[in-house]
C-alpha atoms as a PDB file:
ATOM      1  CA  PRO A   1       4.610  12.344 -22.352  1.00  0.00           C
ATOM      2  CA  LEU A   2       6.624   9.450 -20.957  1.00  0.00           C
ATOM      3  CA  HIS A   3       4.934   9.444 -17.579  1.00  0.00           C
ATOM      4  CA  GLY A   4       1.505   9.370 -15.991  1.00  0.00           C
ATOM      5  CA  VAL A   5      -1.503   7.239 -16.866  1.00  0.00           C
ATOM      6  CA  GLU A   6      -3.807   9.896 -18.326  1.00  0.00           C
ATOM      7  CA  GLU A   7      -2.103   9.813 -21.728  1.00  0.00           C
ATOM      8  CA  VAL A   8      -2.529   6.076 -22.286  1.00  0.00           C
ATOM      9  CA  LYS A   9      -4.598   5.716 -25.444  1.00  0.00           C
ATOM     10  CA  LEU A  10      -7.215   3.083 -26.133  1.00  0.00           C
ATOM     11  CA  ASP A  11      -7.212   3.348 -29.924  1.00  0.00           C
ATOM     12  CA  ASP A  12      -3.542   2.626 -30.585  1.00  0.00           C
ATOM     13  CA  ASP A  13      -3.400   0.362 -33.659  1.00  0.00           C
ATOM     14  CA  ASP A  14       0.386   0.428 -34.084  1.00  0.00           C
ATOM     15  CA  ASP A  15       1.500  -3.216 -34.426  1.00  0.00           C
ATOM     16  CA  THR A  16       4.968  -2.347 -33.121  1.00  0.00           C
ATOM     17  CA  SER A  17       3.574  -1.060 -29.831  1.00  0.00           C
ATOM     18  CA  ARG A  18       3.493  -3.452 -26.900  1.00  0.00           C
ATOM     19  CA  GLY A  19       0.458  -1.482 -25.787  1.00  0.00           C
ATOM     20  CA  GLY A  20      -1.591  -2.518 -28.824  1.00  0.00           C
ATOM     21  CA  ASP A  21      -4.918  -4.326 -28.782  1.00  0.00           C
ATOM     22  CA  LEU A  22      -4.244  -7.611 -26.997  1.00  0.00           C
ATOM     23  CA  ALA A  23      -7.544  -9.143 -28.038  1.00  0.00           C
ATOM     24  CA  SER A  24      -6.769  -8.694 -31.736  1.00  0.00           C
ATOM     25  CA  THR A  25      -3.312 -10.271 -31.501  1.00  0.00           C
ATOM     26  CA  ALA A  26      -4.093 -13.082 -29.051  1.00  0.00           C
ATOM     27  CA  GLY A  27      -4.009 -16.513 -30.616  1.00  0.00           C
ATOM     28  CA  GLU A  28      -1.740 -15.535 -33.516  1.00  0.00           C
ATOM     29  CA  GLY A  29       1.094 -18.014 -33.606  1.00  0.00           C
ATOM     30  CA  ASP A  30       0.911 -18.946 -29.936  1.00  0.00           C
ATOM     31  CA  GLY A  31      -2.354 -20.875 -29.838  1.00  0.00           C
ATOM     32  CA  LEU A  32      -3.846 -18.515 -27.243  1.00  0.00           C
ATOM     33  CA  VAL A  33      -7.370 -17.172 -27.406  1.00  0.00           C
ATOM     34  CA  PRO A  34      -8.910 -14.342 -25.397  1.00  0.00           C
ATOM     35  CA  PRO A  35     -10.545 -15.605 -22.186  1.00  0.00           C
ATOM     36  CA  PRO A  36     -14.354 -15.518 -22.185  1.00  0.00           C
ATOM     37  CA  THR A  37     -16.053 -12.672 -20.382  1.00  0.00           C
ATOM     38  CA  PRO A  38     -17.354 -13.981 -17.045  1.00  0.00           C
ATOM     39  CA  GLN A  39     -21.103 -13.947 -16.507  1.00  0.00           C
ATOM     40  CA  ARG A  40     -22.156 -11.491 -13.799  1.00  0.00           C
ATOM     41  CA  THR A  41     -25.410 -10.613 -12.132  1.00  0.00           C
ATOM     42  CA  GLU A  42     -26.826  -7.118 -12.380  1.00  0.00           C
ATOM     43  CA  GLU A  43     -25.688  -6.400  -8.831  1.00  0.00           C
ATOM     44  CA  GLU A  44     -22.149  -7.602  -9.545  1.00  0.00           C
ATOM     45  CA  GLU A  45     -21.994  -5.487 -12.698  1.00  0.00           C
ATOM     46  CA  ARG A  46     -23.274  -2.462 -10.808  1.00  0.00           C
ATOM     47  CA  LEU A  47     -20.595  -2.859  -8.128  1.00  0.00           C
ATOM     48  CA  LEU A  48     -17.925  -3.357 -10.791  1.00  0.00           C
ATOM     49  CA  ASN A  49     -18.948  -0.106 -12.489  1.00  0.00           C
ATOM     50  CA  ILE A  50     -18.716   1.679  -9.144  1.00  0.00           C
ATOM     51  CA  ARG A  51     -15.223   0.259  -8.746  1.00  0.00           C
ATOM     52  CA  ARG A  52     -14.190   1.456 -12.206  1.00  0.00           C
ATOM     53  CA  LYS A  53     -15.304   5.017 -11.510  1.00  0.00           C
ATOM     54  CA  LEU A  54     -13.802   5.268  -8.029  1.00  0.00           C
ATOM     55  CA  GLU A  55     -10.565   3.600  -9.093  1.00  0.00           C
ATOM     56  CA  PHE A  56     -10.040   5.946 -12.028  1.00  0.00           C
ATOM     57  CA  LYS A  57     -10.954   8.971  -9.906  1.00  0.00           C
ATOM     58  CA  LEU A  58      -8.450   8.037  -7.175  1.00  0.00           C
ATOM     59  CA  VAL A  59      -5.588   7.367  -9.597  1.00  0.00           C
ATOM     60  CA  SER A  60      -6.309  10.576 -11.528  1.00  0.00           C
ATOM     61  CA  LYS A  61      -6.227  12.575  -8.301  1.00  0.00           C
ATOM     62  CA  PHE A  62      -2.621  11.610  -7.583  1.00  0.00           C
ATOM     63  CA  ASP A  63      -1.340  11.249 -11.151  1.00  0.00           C
ATOM     64  CA  SER A  64       1.357  13.732 -12.167  1.00  0.00           C
ATOM     65  CA  LEU A  65       3.805  14.537 -14.933  1.00  0.00           C
ATOM     66  CA  SER A  66       6.626  15.469 -12.585  1.00  0.00           C
ATOM     67  CA  ILE A  67       8.132  14.369  -9.281  1.00  0.00           C
ATOM     68  CA  ASN A  68      10.156  15.868  -6.462  1.00  0.00           C
ATOM     69  CA  ALA A  69      13.491  14.164  -7.052  1.00  0.00           C
ATOM     70  CA  ARG A  70      14.587  14.868  -3.476  1.00  0.00           C
ATOM     71  CA  ARG A  71      12.072  12.454  -2.025  1.00  0.00           C
ATOM     72  CA  GLU A  72      10.478  10.658  -4.998  1.00  0.00           C
ATOM     73  CA  CYS A  73      11.389   8.646  -8.069  1.00  0.00           C
ATOM     74  CA  TRP A  74       9.617   7.125 -11.068  1.00  0.00           C
ATOM     75  CA  PHE A  75       8.266   3.591 -10.936  1.00  0.00           C
ATOM     76  CA  LEU A  76       8.390   2.068 -14.416  1.00  0.00           C
ATOM     77  CA  VAL A  77       5.296   0.055 -15.359  1.00  0.00           C
ATOM     78  CA  ASP A  78       4.741  -2.195 -18.370  1.00  0.00           C
ATOM     79  CA  THR A  79       2.713  -0.265 -20.963  1.00  0.00           C
ATOM     80  CA  ARG A  80       0.670  -3.362 -21.790  1.00  0.00           C
ATOM     81  CA  TRP A  81      -0.508  -3.597 -18.204  1.00  0.00           C
ATOM     82  CA  LEU A  82      -1.451   0.113 -18.166  1.00  0.00           C
ATOM     83  CA  ASP A  83      -3.371  -0.338 -21.428  1.00  0.00           C
ATOM     84  CA  LYS A  84      -5.343  -3.203 -19.905  1.00  0.00           C
ATOM     85  CA  TRP A  85      -6.022  -1.128 -16.791  1.00  0.00           C
ATOM     86  CA  MET A  86      -7.218   1.819 -18.903  1.00  0.00           C
ATOM     87  CA  ARG A  87      -9.573  -0.480 -20.816  1.00  0.00           C
ATOM     88  CA  PHE A  88     -10.888  -1.752 -17.504  1.00  0.00           C
ATOM     89  CA  VAL A  89     -11.718   1.668 -16.039  1.00  0.00           C
ATOM     90  CA  LYS A  90     -12.746   3.510 -19.240  1.00  0.00           C
ATOM     91  CA  ALA A  91     -14.032   0.925 -21.705  1.00  0.00           C
ATOM     92  CA  GLY A  92     -15.725  -1.696 -19.519  1.00  0.00           C
ATOM     93  CA  GLY A  93     -12.951  -4.256 -19.838  1.00  0.00           C
ATOM     94  CA  GLU A  94     -11.867  -6.893 -17.358  1.00  0.00           C
ATOM     95  CA  PRO A  95      -9.484  -6.196 -14.437  1.00  0.00           C
ATOM     96  CA  PRO A  96      -5.859  -6.239 -15.632  1.00  0.00           C
ATOM     97  CA  GLY A  97      -4.602  -8.671 -13.005  1.00  0.00           C
ATOM     98  CA  PRO A  98      -1.463  -8.280 -10.871  1.00  0.00           C
ATOM     99  CA  MET A  99       1.240  -5.826 -11.896  1.00  0.00           C
ATOM    100  CA  SER A 100       4.458  -7.313 -13.219  1.00  0.00           C
ATOM    101  CA  THR A 101       7.815  -6.304 -14.694  1.00  0.00           C
ATOM    102  CA  LYS A 102       8.688  -9.779 -16.010  1.00  0.00           C
ATOM    103  CA  GLU A 103       8.240  -8.724 -19.643  1.00  0.00           C
ATOM    104  CA  LEU A 104      10.776  -5.919 -19.196  1.00  0.00           C
ATOM    105  CA  LEU A 105      13.605  -7.895 -17.566  1.00  0.00           C
ATOM    106  CA  ASP A 106      15.759 -10.877 -18.464  1.00  0.00           C
ATOM    107  CA  GLN A 107      16.507 -13.850 -16.231  1.00  0.00           C
ATOM    108  CA  LYS A 108      19.204 -11.881 -14.425  1.00  0.00           C
ATOM    109  CA  LYS A 109      16.717  -9.077 -13.601  1.00  0.00           C
ATOM    110  CA  ARG A 110      18.381  -6.735 -16.109  1.00  0.00           C
ATOM    111  CA  PRO A 111      16.395  -4.631 -18.606  1.00  0.00           C
ATOM    112  CA  LEU A 112      15.896  -6.237 -22.003  1.00  0.00           C
ATOM    113  CA  LYS A 113      17.604  -4.576 -24.940  1.00  0.00           C
ATOM    114  CA  GLY A 114      15.719  -2.275 -27.270  1.00  0.00           C
ATOM    115  CA  LEU A 115      12.987  -1.140 -24.874  1.00  0.00           C
ATOM    116  CA  GLU A 116      11.496   2.304 -25.487  1.00  0.00           C
ATOM    117  CA  ALA A 117       9.676   4.641 -23.148  1.00  0.00           C
ATOM    118  CA  THR A 118       5.928   5.002 -23.773  1.00  0.00           C
ATOM    119  CA  ILE A 119       5.949   2.008 -26.176  1.00  0.00           C
ATOM    120  CA  ASP A 120       7.233  -0.553 -23.687  1.00  0.00           C
ATOM    121  CA  TYR A 121       6.999   1.172 -20.322  1.00  0.00           C
ATOM    122  CA  ARG A 122       5.789   4.323 -18.634  1.00  0.00           C
ATOM    123  CA  GLY A 123       6.713   6.087 -15.427  1.00  0.00           C
ATOM    124  CA  VAL A 124       4.265   6.743 -12.587  1.00  0.00           C
ATOM    125  CA  ASN A 125       4.879   8.501  -9.298  1.00  0.00           C
ATOM    126  CA  PRO A 126       5.112   6.482  -6.055  1.00  0.00           C
ATOM    127  CA  MET A 127       1.566   7.267  -4.909  1.00  0.00           C
ATOM    128  CA  VAL A 128      -0.026   6.113  -8.180  1.00  0.00           C
ATOM    129  CA  TYR A 129       2.160   3.007  -8.236  1.00  0.00           C
ATOM    130  CA  TYR A 130       1.131   1.856  -4.767  1.00  0.00           C
ATOM    131  CA  ILE A 131      -2.527   2.707  -5.347  1.00  0.00           C
ATOM    132  CA  LEU A 132      -2.502   0.415  -8.400  1.00  0.00           C
ATOM    133  CA  GLN A 133      -0.629  -2.224  -6.436  1.00  0.00           C
ATOM    134  CA  GLU A 134      -3.145  -2.119  -3.567  1.00  0.00           C
ATOM    135  CA  LEU A 135      -6.012  -2.381  -6.053  1.00  0.00           C
ATOM    136  CA  HIS A 136      -4.681  -5.162  -8.293  1.00  0.00           C
ATOM    137  CA  GLY A 137      -1.726  -6.729  -6.509  1.00  0.00           C
ATOM    138  CA  LYS A 138       1.763  -7.490  -7.806  1.00  0.00           C
ATOM    139  CA  ASP A 139       3.807 -10.592  -8.516  1.00  0.00           C
ATOM    140  CA  ARG A 140       7.331 -11.201  -7.219  1.00  0.00           C
ATOM    141  CA  SER A 141       9.108  -9.469 -10.073  1.00  0.00           C
ATOM    142  CA  PRO A 142      11.342  -6.594  -8.895  1.00  0.00           C
ATOM    143  CA  GLU A 143      10.229  -2.986  -8.886  1.00  0.00           C
ATOM    144  CA  ILE A 144      11.974  -0.733 -11.403  1.00  0.00           C
ATOM    145  CA  MET A 145      12.771   2.596  -9.738  1.00  0.00           C
ATOM    146  CA  ARG A 146      14.508   5.389 -11.635  1.00  0.00           C
ATOM    147  CA  TYR A 147      15.054   9.125 -11.217  1.00  0.00           C
ATOM    148  CA  LYS A 148      14.445   9.476 -14.961  1.00  0.00           C
ATOM    149  CA  VAL A 149      11.910   7.697 -17.181  1.00  0.00           C
ATOM    150  CA  ASP A 150      14.668   5.613 -18.711  1.00  0.00           C
ATOM    151  CA  ILE A 151      14.942   1.945 -17.859  1.00  0.00           C
ATOM    152  CA  TYR A 152      18.660   1.953 -18.726  1.00  0.00           C
ATOM    153  CA  GLU A 153      19.487   4.664 -16.192  1.00  0.00           C
ATOM    154  CA  MET A 154      21.041   3.745 -12.844  1.00  0.00           C
ATOM    155  CA  ASP A 155      18.692   2.220 -10.297  1.00  0.00           C
ATOM    156  CA  VAL A 156      17.771   4.235  -7.207  1.00  0.00           C
ATOM    157  CA  PRO A 157      20.336   3.414  -4.478  1.00  0.00           C
ATOM    158  CA  GLY A 158      19.029   0.999  -1.876  1.00  0.00           C
ATOM    159  CA  ARG A 159      19.564   3.381   1.051  1.00  0.00           C
ATOM    160  CA  TYR A 160      17.042   5.803  -0.487  1.00  0.00           C
ATOM    161  CA  LYS A 161      14.400   3.293  -1.533  1.00  0.00           C
ATOM    162  CA  MET A 162      12.866   2.835   1.899  1.00  0.00           C
ATOM    163  CA  ASP A 163      12.424   6.588   2.368  1.00  0.00           C
ATOM    164  CA  ILE A 164      10.657   6.776  -0.998  1.00  0.00           C
ATOM    165  CA  ILE A 165       8.427   3.765  -0.355  1.00  0.00           C
ATOM    166  CA  MET A 166       7.275   4.159   3.260  1.00  0.00           C
ATOM    167  CA  GLY A 167       5.012   7.204   3.050  1.00  0.00           C
ATOM    168  CA  PRO A 168       3.217   6.530  -0.266  1.00  0.00           C
ATOM    169  CA  SER A 169       2.688   2.820   0.443  1.00  0.00           C
ATOM    170  CA  LYS A 170       0.939   3.505   3.775  1.00  0.00           C
ATOM    171  CA  LYS A 171      -1.102   6.386   2.409  1.00  0.00           C
ATOM    172  CA  ALA A 172      -2.153   4.353  -0.642  1.00  0.00           C
ATOM    173  CA  ARG A 173      -3.316   1.484   1.576  1.00  0.00           C
ATOM    174  CA  ILE A 174      -5.558   3.812   3.572  1.00  0.00           C
ATOM    175  CA  LYS A 175      -6.989   5.531   0.479  1.00  0.00           C
ATOM    176  CA  VAL A 176      -7.742   2.234  -1.258  1.00  0.00           C
ATOM    177  CA  ASN A 177      -9.341   0.663   1.818  1.00  0.00           C
ATOM    178  CA  LYS A 178     -11.717   3.627   2.035  1.00  0.00           C
ATOM    179  CA  ILE A 179     -13.031   3.251  -1.516  1.00  0.00           C
ATOM    180  CA  LYS A 180     -13.064  -0.567  -1.422  1.00  0.00           C
ATOM    181  CA  GLN A 181     -15.926  -0.372   1.035  1.00  0.00           C
ATOM    182  CA  LYS A 182     -18.092   0.946  -1.821  1.00  0.00           C
ATOM    183  CA  TRP A 183     -17.953  -2.267  -3.859  1.00  0.00           C
ATOM    184  CA  GLU A 184     -16.703  -5.065  -1.612  1.00  0.00           C
ATOM    185  CA  LYS A 185     -18.933  -7.153   0.633  1.00  0.00           C
ATOM    186  CA  TRP A 186     -17.718  -8.748   3.833  1.00  0.00           C
ATOM    187  CA  ASP A 187     -18.030 -12.493   4.092  1.00  0.00           C
ATOM    188  CA  ARG A 188     -20.855 -13.581   6.370  1.00  0.00           C
ATOM    189  CA  ASP A 189     -21.960 -16.887   7.825  1.00  0.00           C
ATOM    190  CA  ASP A 190     -24.460 -19.051   5.986  1.00  0.00           C
ATOM    191  CA  ASP A 191     -27.343 -17.544   7.935  1.00  0.00           C
ATOM    192  CA  GLY A 192     -26.396 -14.077   6.698  1.00  0.00           C
ATOM    193  CA  GLU A 193     -25.345 -12.786  10.106  1.00  0.00           C
ATOM    194  CA  ALA A 194     -21.896 -12.213  11.484  1.00  0.00           C
ATOM    195  CA  GLU A 195     -20.923 -14.217  14.540  1.00  0.00           C
ATOM    196  CA  GLU A 196     -20.833 -12.069  17.662  1.00  0.00           C
ATOM    197  CA  THR A 197     -17.780 -12.545  19.855  1.00  0.00           C
ATOM    198  CA  CYS A 198     -18.274 -10.239  22.827  1.00  0.00           C
ATOM    199  CA  CYS A 199     -20.365  -7.177  23.746  1.00  0.00           C
ATOM    200  CA  TRP A 200     -22.172  -7.234  20.392  1.00  0.00           C
ATOM    201  CA  LEU A 201     -18.832  -6.896  18.561  1.00  0.00           C
ATOM    202  CA  THR A 202     -18.252  -9.073  15.518  1.00  0.00           C
ATOM    203  CA  LYS A 203     -14.978 -10.488  14.307  1.00  0.00           C
ATOM    204  CA  GLU A 204     -14.862  -7.832  11.584  1.00  0.00           C
ATOM    205  CA  HIS A 205     -15.214  -5.058  14.159  1.00  0.00           C
ATOM    206  CA  ILE A 206     -12.316  -6.372  16.220  1.00  0.00           C
ATOM    207  CA  GLU A 207     -10.095  -6.838  13.152  1.00  0.00           C
ATOM    208  CA  ALA A 208     -10.859  -3.298  11.983  1.00  0.00           C
ATOM    209  CA  ILE A 209     -10.019  -1.831  15.406  1.00  0.00           C
ATOM    210  CA  MET A 210      -6.757  -3.768  15.604  1.00  0.00           C
ATOM    211  CA  TRP A 211      -5.794  -2.762  12.056  1.00  0.00           C
ATOM    212  CA  TRP A 212      -6.419   0.907  12.819  1.00  0.00           C
ATOM    213  CA  PHE A 213      -4.478   0.797  16.086  1.00  0.00           C
ATOM    214  CA  PHE A 214      -1.375  -0.848  14.653  1.00  0.00           C
ATOM    215  CA  THR A 215      -1.185   0.450  11.060  1.00  0.00           C
ATOM    216  CA  CYS A 216      -3.049   3.732  10.656  1.00  0.00           C
ATOM    217  CA  CYS A 217      -0.487   6.442   9.849  1.00  0.00           C
ATOM    218  CA  ASN A 218      -2.892   9.283  10.628  1.00  0.00           C
ATOM    219  CA  ARG A 219      -2.213   8.855  14.325  1.00  0.00           C
ATOM    220  CA  LYS A 220       0.157  11.415  15.790  1.00  0.00           C
ATOM    221  CA  GLY A 221       3.077   9.206  16.723  1.00  0.00           C
ATOM    222  CA  ARG A 222       3.006   6.255  19.049  1.00  0.00           C
ATOM    223  CA  PRO A 223       1.165   6.147  22.391  1.00  0.00           C
ATOM    224  CA  LYS A 224       3.321   7.305  25.291  1.00  0.00           C
ATOM    225  CA  TYR A 225       3.141   5.863  28.753  1.00  0.00           C
ATOM    226  CA  SER A 226       4.446   7.341  32.005  1.00  0.00           C
ATOM    227  CA  LYS A 227       7.043   5.389  33.910  1.00  0.00           C
ATOM    228  CA  TYR A 228       5.511   2.540  35.778  1.00  0.00           C
ATOM    229  CA  GLN A 229       5.894   2.810  39.535  1.00  0.00           C
ATOM    230  CA  PRO A 230       4.394  -0.068  41.531  1.00  0.00           C
ATOM    231  CA  LEU A 231       2.223   0.851  44.503  1.00  0.00           C
ATOM    232  CA  ARG A 232       3.558  -0.006  47.919  1.00  0.00           C
ATOM    233  CA  GLY A 233       1.457  -1.663  50.554  1.00  0.00           C
ATOM    234  CA  LYS A 234       1.333  -0.627  54.187  1.00  0.00           C
ATOM    235  CA  ASP A 235       3.252  -3.700  55.233  1.00  0.00           C
ATOM    236  CA  ASP A 236       6.089  -2.821  52.853  1.00  0.00           C
ATOM    237  CA  ASP A 237       6.270   0.735  54.181  1.00  0.00           C
ATOM    238  CA  ALA A 238       6.182  -0.494  57.794  1.00  0.00           C
ATOM    239  CA  SER A 239       9.080  -2.852  57.321  1.00  0.00           C
ATOM    240  CA  GLU A 240      11.211  -0.540  55.217  1.00  0.00           C
ATOM    241  CA  THR A 241      13.877   1.574  56.891  1.00  0.00           C
ATOM    242  CA  ALA A 242      16.119   4.161  55.386  1.00  0.00           C
ATOM    243  CA  SER A 243      19.150   6.028  56.605  1.00  0.00           C
ATOM    244  CA  VAL A 244      19.618   9.608  55.628  1.00  0.00           C
ATOM    245  CA  ARG A 245      22.902  11.174  56.356  1.00  0.00           C
ATOM    246  CA  GLY A 246      23.580  14.841  56.170  1.00  0.00           C
ATOM    247  CA  SER A 247      26.005  17.295  57.502  1.00  0.00           C
ATOM    248  CA  GLU A 248      24.955  20.048  59.798  1.00  0.00           C
ATOM    249  CA  GLN A 249      27.513  22.424  61.255  1.00  0.00           C
ATOM    250  CA  GLY A 250      30.311  20.011  60.614  1.00  0.00           C
ATOM    251  CA  GLY A 251      28.545  17.133  62.340  1.00  0.00           C
ATOM    252  CA  THR A 252      26.793  14.028  61.042  1.00  0.00           C
ATOM    253  CA  VAL A 253      23.149  13.464  61.801  1.00  0.00           C
ATOM    254  CA  GLU A 254      21.533  10.039  61.337  1.00  0.00           C
ATOM    255  CA  MET A 255      17.798   9.724  60.851  1.00  0.00           C
ATOM    256  CA  GLN A 256      15.826   6.499  60.768  1.00  0.00           C
ATOM    257  CA  ARG A 257      12.316   6.083  59.351  1.00  0.00           C
ATOM    258  CA  ARG A 258      10.054   4.723  62.023  1.00  0.00           C
ATOM    259  CA  PRO A 259       7.594   1.930  61.266  1.00  0.00           C
ATOM    260  CA  VAL A 260       4.129   3.063  60.258  1.00  0.00           C
ATOM    261  CA  PRO A 261       1.571   1.786  62.735  1.00  0.00           C
ATOM    262  CA  ALA A 262      -0.835  -0.773  61.337  1.00  0.00           C
END
């Protein structure tokens, strides 16, 4: 398959594949060596393992081998990055770092020549793409959006991109924020307690409420308010006069509002 993340293999020894073992090829001819594995405490390793499991479970839930071309497209991702991500979630590797398409494009943001699907890039649906982006970030390289898993096909027209992006990007942010709570710890003051601002609410509480109010897409539309009509005081009513003209049997009748007694 050319698409999805489930089919990414960890035991690919083909030297021609860009998704090969990076650790075995690092340092050959370029003077680079694999970075050392950071030292972690037992608690940090436990939380990292929780992240691996939840991350893989969330991506697998939304992964697919097909899309609805009327409202979706394929996002092409560098196979090397997907290999590193698969090693992270399935083989205890390190996080893959931010997503990037730099290795697939030239200086003019055009696809390099000779790229092949599966070997150099794979296609993922919008939901999977934005879940991975929320989890690991992305650099400033452009997104590669295609209706077919072919980097040399025509790009998705700009007028359709926003419709494709809006829904999945918001939904992915909500889904990722829910599972992040399982392994992330909020920063606290040196004394281990959060600073209270008002009514036993901490800064984190207020930020969470504001984020939900302004960004949560589960809310049914925007809040609606009735038309504002200022209240009138007795003095205003007493001083106000109005003329009402009407016709009655061919004649004109004038009525005047009398002042309201104080």
